[in-house]
C-alpha atoms as a PDB file:
ATOM      1  CA  GLN A   1      11.236 -18.568  -7.687  1.00  0.00           C
ATOM      2  CA  VAL A   2       9.022 -15.551  -7.072  1.00  0.00           C
ATOM      3  CA  GLN A   3       9.406 -12.498  -9.255  1.00  0.00           C
ATOM      4  CA  LEU A   4       7.685  -9.146  -9.097  1.00  0.00           C
ATOM      5  CA  VAL A   5       6.985  -7.330 -12.346  1.00  0.00           C
ATOM      6  CA  GLU A   6       6.265  -3.638 -11.923  1.00  0.00           C
ATOM      7  CA  SER A   7       4.812  -1.262 -14.479  1.00  0.00           C
ATOM      8  CA  GLY A   8       3.101   2.087 -14.742  1.00  0.00           C
ATOM      9  CA  GLY A   9       5.722   4.616 -13.737  1.00  0.00           C
ATOM     10  CA  GLY A  10       6.534   7.621 -15.841  1.00  0.00           C
ATOM     11  CA  LEU A  11       6.479  11.383 -16.166  1.00  0.00           C
ATOM     12  CA  VAL A  12       3.397  13.408 -15.329  1.00  0.00           C
ATOM     13  CA  GLN A  13       2.584  17.012 -14.561  1.00  0.00           C
ATOM     14  CA  ALA A  14       1.639  18.091 -11.080  1.00  0.00           C
ATOM     15  CA  GLY A  15      -1.984  17.283 -10.392  1.00  0.00           C
ATOM     16  CA  GLY A  16      -1.929  14.373 -12.785  1.00  0.00           C
ATOM     17  CA  SER A  17      -2.413  10.660 -12.217  1.00  0.00           C
ATOM     18  CA  LEU A  18      -0.523   7.443 -12.651  1.00  0.00           C
ATOM     19  CA  ARG A  19      -1.383   3.830 -11.908  1.00  0.00           C
ATOM     20  CA  LEU A  20       1.315   1.440 -10.793  1.00  0.00           C
ATOM     21  CA  SER A  21       0.920  -2.308 -11.143  1.00  0.00           C
ATOM     22  CA  CYS A  22       2.934  -5.157  -9.680  1.00  0.00           C
ATOM     23  CA  ALA A  23       2.342  -8.774 -10.605  1.00  0.00           C
ATOM     24  CA  ALA A  24       3.838 -11.591  -8.570  1.00  0.00           C
ATOM     25  CA  THR A  25       4.797 -14.609 -10.645  1.00  0.00           C
ATOM     26  CA  GLY A  26       6.265 -17.985  -9.823  1.00  0.00           C
ATOM     27  CA  ILE A  27       5.388 -20.581  -7.245  1.00  0.00           C
ATOM     28  CA  ILE A  28       2.998 -18.757  -4.945  1.00  0.00           C
ATOM     29  CA  TRP A  29       0.995 -20.415  -2.213  1.00  0.00           C
ATOM     30  CA  ARG A  30      -0.437 -17.562  -0.255  1.00  0.00           C
ATOM     31  CA  ILE A  31       0.323 -13.872  -0.336  1.00  0.00           C
ATOM     32  CA  ASN A  32      -0.008 -12.026   2.930  1.00  0.00           C
ATOM     33  CA  SER A  33       0.624  -8.329   2.527  1.00  0.00           C
ATOM     34  CA  MET A  34       1.227  -6.460  -0.714  1.00  0.00           C
ATOM     35  CA  GLY A  35       2.257  -2.884  -1.015  1.00  0.00           C
ATOM     36  CA  TRP A  36       4.339  -0.041  -2.259  1.00  0.00           C
ATOM     37  CA  TYR A  37       7.291   1.783  -0.803  1.00  0.00           C
ATOM     38  CA  ARG A  38       9.385   4.597  -2.191  1.00  0.00           C
ATOM     39  CA  GLN A  39      12.935   5.716  -1.784  1.00  0.00           C
ATOM     40  CA  ALA A  40      14.573   8.967  -2.740  1.00  0.00           C
ATOM     41  CA  PRO A  41      18.341   9.187  -3.256  1.00  0.00           C
ATOM     42  CA  GLY A  42      20.148   9.333   0.069  1.00  0.00           C
ATOM     43  CA  LYS A  43      17.024   8.603   2.065  1.00  0.00           C
ATOM     44  CA  GLN A  44      15.541   5.554   3.701  1.00  0.00           C
ATOM     45  CA  ARG A  45      12.868   3.550   1.955  1.00  0.00           C
ATOM     46  CA  GLU A  46       9.490   4.624   3.257  1.00  0.00           C
ATOM     47  CA  LEU A  47       6.016   3.175   3.300  1.00  0.00           C
ATOM     48  CA  VAL A  48       3.541   4.457   0.758  1.00  0.00           C
ATOM     49  CA  GLU A  49       0.656   2.075   1.204  1.00  0.00           C
ATOM     50  CA  THR A  50       0.091  -1.596   1.954  1.00  0.00           C
ATOM     51  CA  ILE A  51      -2.873  -3.926   1.860  1.00  0.00           C
ATOM     52  CA  THR A  52      -3.375  -7.234   3.655  1.00  0.00           C
ATOM     53  CA  SER A  53      -5.033 -10.339   2.290  1.00  0.00           C
ATOM     54  CA  GLY A  54      -8.133  -9.269   4.182  1.00  0.00           C
ATOM     55  CA  GLY A  55      -8.177  -5.849   2.555  1.00  0.00           C
ATOM     56  CA  ASN A  56      -6.899  -3.781   5.459  1.00  0.00           C
ATOM     57  CA  THR A  57      -4.743  -0.882   4.335  1.00  0.00           C
ATOM     58  CA  ASN A  58      -1.982   1.141   5.900  1.00  0.00           C
ATOM     59  CA  TYR A  59      -0.704   4.321   4.302  1.00  0.00           C
ATOM     60  CA  ALA A  60       1.570   7.275   4.769  1.00  0.00           C
ATOM     61  CA  GLU A  61      -0.125  10.494   5.837  1.00  0.00           C
ATOM     62  CA  SER A  62       1.491  12.270   2.907  1.00  0.00           C
ATOM     63  CA  VAL A  63      -0.578  10.255   0.415  1.00  0.00           C
ATOM     64  CA  LYS A  64      -3.847  10.187   2.316  1.00  0.00           C
ATOM     65  CA  GLY A  65      -6.774  11.043   0.074  1.00  0.00           C
ATOM     66  CA  ARG A  66      -4.627  10.951  -3.068  1.00  0.00           C
ATOM     67  CA  PHE A  67      -3.354   7.370  -3.443  1.00  0.00           C
ATOM     68  CA  THR A  68      -5.461   4.225  -3.379  1.00  0.00           C
ATOM     69  CA  ILE A  69      -4.134   0.698  -3.167  1.00  0.00           C
ATOM     70  CA  SER A  70      -5.984  -2.381  -4.375  1.00  0.00           C
ATOM     71  CA  ARG A  71      -5.175  -5.984  -5.124  1.00  0.00           C
ATOM     72  CA  ASP A  72      -6.405  -8.786  -7.328  1.00  0.00           C
ATOM     73  CA  ASN A  73      -5.886 -12.044  -5.450  1.00  0.00           C
ATOM     74  CA  ILE A  74      -6.601 -14.124  -8.545  1.00  0.00           C
ATOM     75  CA  LYS A  75      -3.934 -12.358 -10.573  1.00  0.00           C
ATOM     76  CA  ASN A  76      -1.582 -11.902  -7.599  1.00  0.00           C
ATOM     77  CA  THR A  77      -1.349  -8.269  -8.558  1.00  0.00           C
ATOM     78  CA  VAL A  78      -1.312  -5.102  -6.522  1.00  0.00           C
ATOM     79  CA  TYR A  79      -2.159  -1.676  -7.886  1.00  0.00           C
ATOM     80  CA  LEU A  80      -1.495   1.847  -6.708  1.00  0.00           C
ATOM     81  CA  GLN A  81      -3.726   4.547  -8.150  1.00  0.00           C
ATOM     82  CA  MET A  82      -1.994   7.865  -7.650  1.00  0.00           C
ATOM     83  CA  ASN A  83      -4.048  11.010  -8.118  1.00  0.00           C
ATOM     84  CA  GLY A  84      -3.198  14.598  -7.387  1.00  0.00           C
ATOM     85  CA  LEU A  85       0.492  13.929  -7.837  1.00  0.00           C
ATOM     86  CA  LYS A  86       2.926  16.464  -6.445  1.00  0.00           C
ATOM     87  CA  PRO A  87       6.576  17.128  -7.324  1.00  0.00           C
ATOM     88  CA  GLU A  88       7.553  15.759  -3.910  1.00  0.00           C
ATOM     89  CA  ASP A  89       6.133  12.382  -4.981  1.00  0.00           C
ATOM     90  CA  THR A  90       8.992  12.112  -7.460  1.00  0.00           C
ATOM     91  CA  THR A  91      11.156   9.112  -6.675  1.00  0.00           C
ATOM     92  CA  VAL A  92      11.485   5.378  -7.290  1.00  0.00           C
ATOM     93  CA  TYR A  93       8.570   3.239  -6.151  1.00  0.00           C
ATOM     94  CA  TYR A  94       9.108  -0.357  -5.066  1.00  0.00           C
ATOM     95  CA  CYS A  95       6.593  -3.155  -4.922  1.00  0.00           C
ATOM     96  CA  ASN A  96       6.676  -5.393  -1.849  1.00  0.00           C
ATOM     97  CA  VAL A  97       5.019  -8.754  -1.385  1.00  0.00           C
ATOM     98  CA  GLY A  98       4.984 -10.832   1.780  1.00  0.00           C
ATOM     99  CA  LEU A  99       5.113 -14.600   1.275  1.00  0.00           C
ATOM    100  CA  ASP A 100       7.500 -16.889   3.108  1.00  0.00           C
ATOM    101  CA  ARG A 101       9.645 -13.766   3.252  1.00  0.00           C
ATOM    102  CA  GLN A 102       9.531 -10.244   1.887  1.00  0.00           C
ATOM    103  CA  TYR A 103      10.062  -9.867  -1.831  1.00  0.00           C
ATOM    104  CA  TRP A 104      10.905  -6.592  -3.577  1.00  0.00           C
ATOM    105  CA  GLY A 105      10.503  -5.393  -7.119  1.00  0.00           C
ATOM    106  CA  ARG A 106      13.254  -3.590  -8.977  1.00  0.00           C
ATOM    107  CA  GLY A 107      11.492  -0.262  -8.747  1.00  0.00           C
ATOM    108  CA  THR A 108       9.727   2.040 -11.148  1.00  0.00           C
ATOM    109  CA  GLN A 109      10.489   5.722 -11.539  1.00  0.00           C
ATOM    110  CA  VAL A 110       7.750   8.272 -10.979  1.00  0.00           C
ATOM    111  CA  THR A 111       8.538  11.843 -11.956  1.00  0.00           C
ATOM    112  CA  VAL A 112       6.144  14.712 -11.324  1.00  0.00           C
ATOM    113  CA  SER A 113       6.958  18.005 -12.983  1.00  0.00           C
ATOM    114  CA  SER A 114       5.852  21.313 -11.511  1.00  0.00           C
END
């Protein structure tokens, strides 16, 4: 059974930083992609940033130059360093890991005050 344990959300002022972490635990053979998505109330879940096992990244234009994704393949953990946070970044962030199928975390709230 694979579980994703997220941490690092919270409240920060505009311009501040947060670092999200997501550790995959359980029986894991090989992780393909890892990443972060976010979903505001009443809206579709959207891509924030993903990273492949080879280190290739894909990100939303809205976070370009502000967010940086990384992963530790030994710890099966993915990180999202978020700098220059804006109030519009406020929402729930979900970790995603691709194994035999897609797995999702429960979400962590990020709130950016103006």
